[in-house]
Amino acid sequence: MTAKPENIDAYIAFFPEATQKILQQVRQTIQKAAPGAKEKISYAMPAFELNGNLVYFAAYDKHIGFYALPSGNAAFQKELSRYKMGKGSIQFPIDQPMPLALIAKIVAFRVQENLEKAKSKKKQG
């Protein structure tokens, strides 16, 4: 991808049809798990924010990258153990079914985490 996409639709449209379908599934899963979250492009990839950054995702040749920040990975270590991971990244192989239920659980966890952070900020202020 050479130019930064303006929105998630433009990002998804850049990829082959089969990858587009997977990206739409991931997007819809995040939307359902985080109603009210805003879509944006950040670091040249699709992102969602709700009381701060929530999750990011991106397509690559052989995997879908999912970025739930380190806390999202840590909380689901056992369920994610079969996937290649970095500190804040998860690689879901593109040739296997996307673990949409797991993605939804991770997003719900991040929503709760951000809500708790927002509440504690209000108490301090």
Protein backbone atom coordinates (compact mmCIF):
# COMPACT_ATOMS: atom_id res chain seq x y z
CA MET A 1 0.00 0.00 0.00
CA THR A 2 1.63 3.23 -1.12
CA ALA A 3 -0.76 6.00 -0.08
CA LYS A 4 -2.36 6.25 3.33
CA PRO A 5 -6.03 5.31 3.00
CA GLU A 6 -8.57 7.93 4.06
CA ASN A 7 -10.89 5.47 5.80
CA ILE A 8 -11.40 1.79 6.51
CA ASP A 9 -13.45 1.24 3.35
CA ALA A 10 -10.55 2.55 1.23
CA TYR A 11 -8.10 0.37 3.18
CA ILE A 12 -10.17 -2.78 2.62
CA ALA A 13 -10.75 -2.00 -1.08
CA PHE A 14 -6.99 -2.16 -1.68
CA PHE A 15 -6.86 -5.94 -1.05
CA PRO A 16 -7.94 -8.98 -3.12
CA GLU A 17 -11.59 -10.00 -2.77
CA ALA A 18 -10.92 -12.97 -0.46
CA THR A 19 -8.91 -10.76 1.91
CA GLN A 20 -11.57 -8.05 1.73
CA LYS A 21 -14.14 -10.55 2.96
CA ILE A 22 -11.99 -11.48 5.97
CA LEU A 23 -11.27 -7.82 6.78
CA GLN A 24 -15.00 -7.03 6.68
CA GLN A 25 -15.69 -9.94 9.05
CA VAL A 26 -13.08 -8.64 11.50
CA ARG A 27 -14.46 -5.10 11.18
CA GLN A 28 -18.05 -6.23 11.81
CA THR A 29 -16.95 -8.33 14.78
CA ILE A 30 -15.26 -5.29 16.33
CA GLN A 31 -18.30 -3.09 15.62
CA LYS A 32 -20.62 -5.56 17.37
CA ALA A 33 -18.31 -5.99 20.36
CA ALA A 34 -17.71 -2.24 20.72
CA PRO A 35 -20.89 -0.40 19.77
CA GLY A 36 -20.21 3.30 19.69
CA ALA A 37 -16.52 2.93 18.91
CA LYS A 38 -15.25 5.30 16.24
CA GLU A 39 -13.41 4.05 13.19
CA LYS A 40 -10.25 5.73 12.03
CA ILE A 41 -7.00 5.09 10.21
CA SER A 42 -4.01 5.20 12.52
CA TYR A 43 -0.47 4.08 11.67
CA ALA A 44 -1.88 3.47 8.15
CA MET A 45 -4.19 0.71 9.39
CA PRO A 46 -7.82 0.41 10.49
CA ALA A 47 -8.32 1.30 14.13
CA PHE A 48 -11.16 1.73 16.58
CA GLU A 49 -11.28 4.12 19.51
CA LEU A 50 -13.58 4.35 22.49
CA ASN A 51 -12.28 6.35 25.42
CA GLY A 52 -8.86 6.04 23.79
CA ASN A 53 -7.36 3.57 21.34
CA LEU A 54 -9.10 0.21 21.43
CA VAL A 55 -7.76 -2.13 18.72
CA TYR A 56 -6.14 -2.06 15.29
CA PHE A 57 -6.06 -4.61 12.48
CA ALA A 58 -4.24 -4.99 9.19
CA ALA A 59 -3.89 -7.38 6.28
CA TYR A 60 -0.66 -8.99 5.14
CA ASP A 61 0.08 -11.67 2.55
CA LYS A 62 -0.22 -14.61 4.93
CA HIS A 63 -2.01 -13.24 8.00
CA ILE A 64 -4.31 -10.69 9.52
CA GLY A 65 -2.52 -8.67 12.15
CA PHE A 66 -4.63 -7.83 15.19
CA TYR A 67 -3.36 -5.33 17.72
CA ALA A 68 -5.10 -5.28 21.10
CA LEU A 69 -2.18 -3.57 22.84
CA PRO A 70 -0.16 -5.61 25.33
CA SER A 71 -3.00 -5.86 27.85
CA GLY A 72 -5.33 -7.57 25.37
CA ASN A 73 -2.69 -10.17 24.55
CA ALA A 74 -1.83 -10.78 28.19
CA ALA A 75 -5.44 -11.32 29.24
CA PHE A 76 -5.99 -14.01 26.59
CA GLN A 77 -2.58 -15.69 26.65
CA LYS A 78 -4.00 -19.21 26.82
CA GLU A 79 -6.50 -18.76 23.96
CA LEU A 80 -3.87 -17.04 21.81
CA SER A 81 -1.05 -19.54 22.45
CA ARG A 82 -1.54 -21.24 19.07
CA TYR A 83 -0.92 -17.98 17.18
CA LYS A 84 2.29 -16.10 16.49
CA MET A 85 2.40 -13.06 18.77
CA GLY A 86 4.51 -10.04 19.57
CA LYS A 87 4.22 -7.75 22.59
CA GLY A 88 1.01 -6.16 21.33
CA SER A 89 0.33 -8.06 18.12
CA ILE A 90 -1.33 -11.29 17.08
CA GLN A 91 -1.05 -12.96 13.67
CA PHE A 92 -4.12 -14.86 12.52
CA PRO A 93 -3.21 -16.99 9.46
CA ILE A 94 -5.20 -15.89 6.44
CA ASP A 95 -5.67 -19.48 5.24
CA GLN A 96 -7.50 -20.53 8.42
CA PRO A 97 -10.91 -19.44 9.74
CA MET A 98 -10.69 -16.17 11.66
CA PRO A 99 -11.33 -16.71 15.38
CA LEU A 100 -14.14 -14.13 15.38
CA ALA A 101 -15.53 -15.17 18.77
CA LEU A 102 -12.09 -14.73 20.32
CA ILE A 103 -11.65 -11.35 18.61
CA ALA A 104 -15.02 -10.28 20.05
CA LYS A 105 -13.93 -11.34 23.55
CA ILE A 106 -10.67 -9.42 23.26
CA VAL A 107 -12.47 -6.30 22.01
CA ALA A 108 -15.02 -6.52 24.85
CA PHE A 109 -12.12 -6.79 27.31
CA ARG A 110 -10.46 -3.71 25.81
CA VAL A 111 -13.76 -1.76 25.93
CA GLN A 112 -14.10 -2.56 29.64
CA GLU A 113 -10.47 -1.67 30.25
CA ASN A 114 -10.88 1.72 28.54
CA LEU A 115 -14.14 2.44 30.39
CA GLU A 116 -12.45 1.75 33.73
CA LYS A 117 -9.54 4.01 32.77
CA ALA A 118 -11.96 6.79 31.79
CA LYS A 119 -13.83 6.43 35.12
CA SER A 120 -10.65 6.63 37.17
CA LYS A 121 -9.55 9.75 35.25
CA LYS A 122 -12.90 11.43 36.06
CA LYS A 123 -12.49 10.59 39.75
CA GLN A 124 -9.02 12.11 39.79
CA GLY A 125 -10.12 15.26 37.96
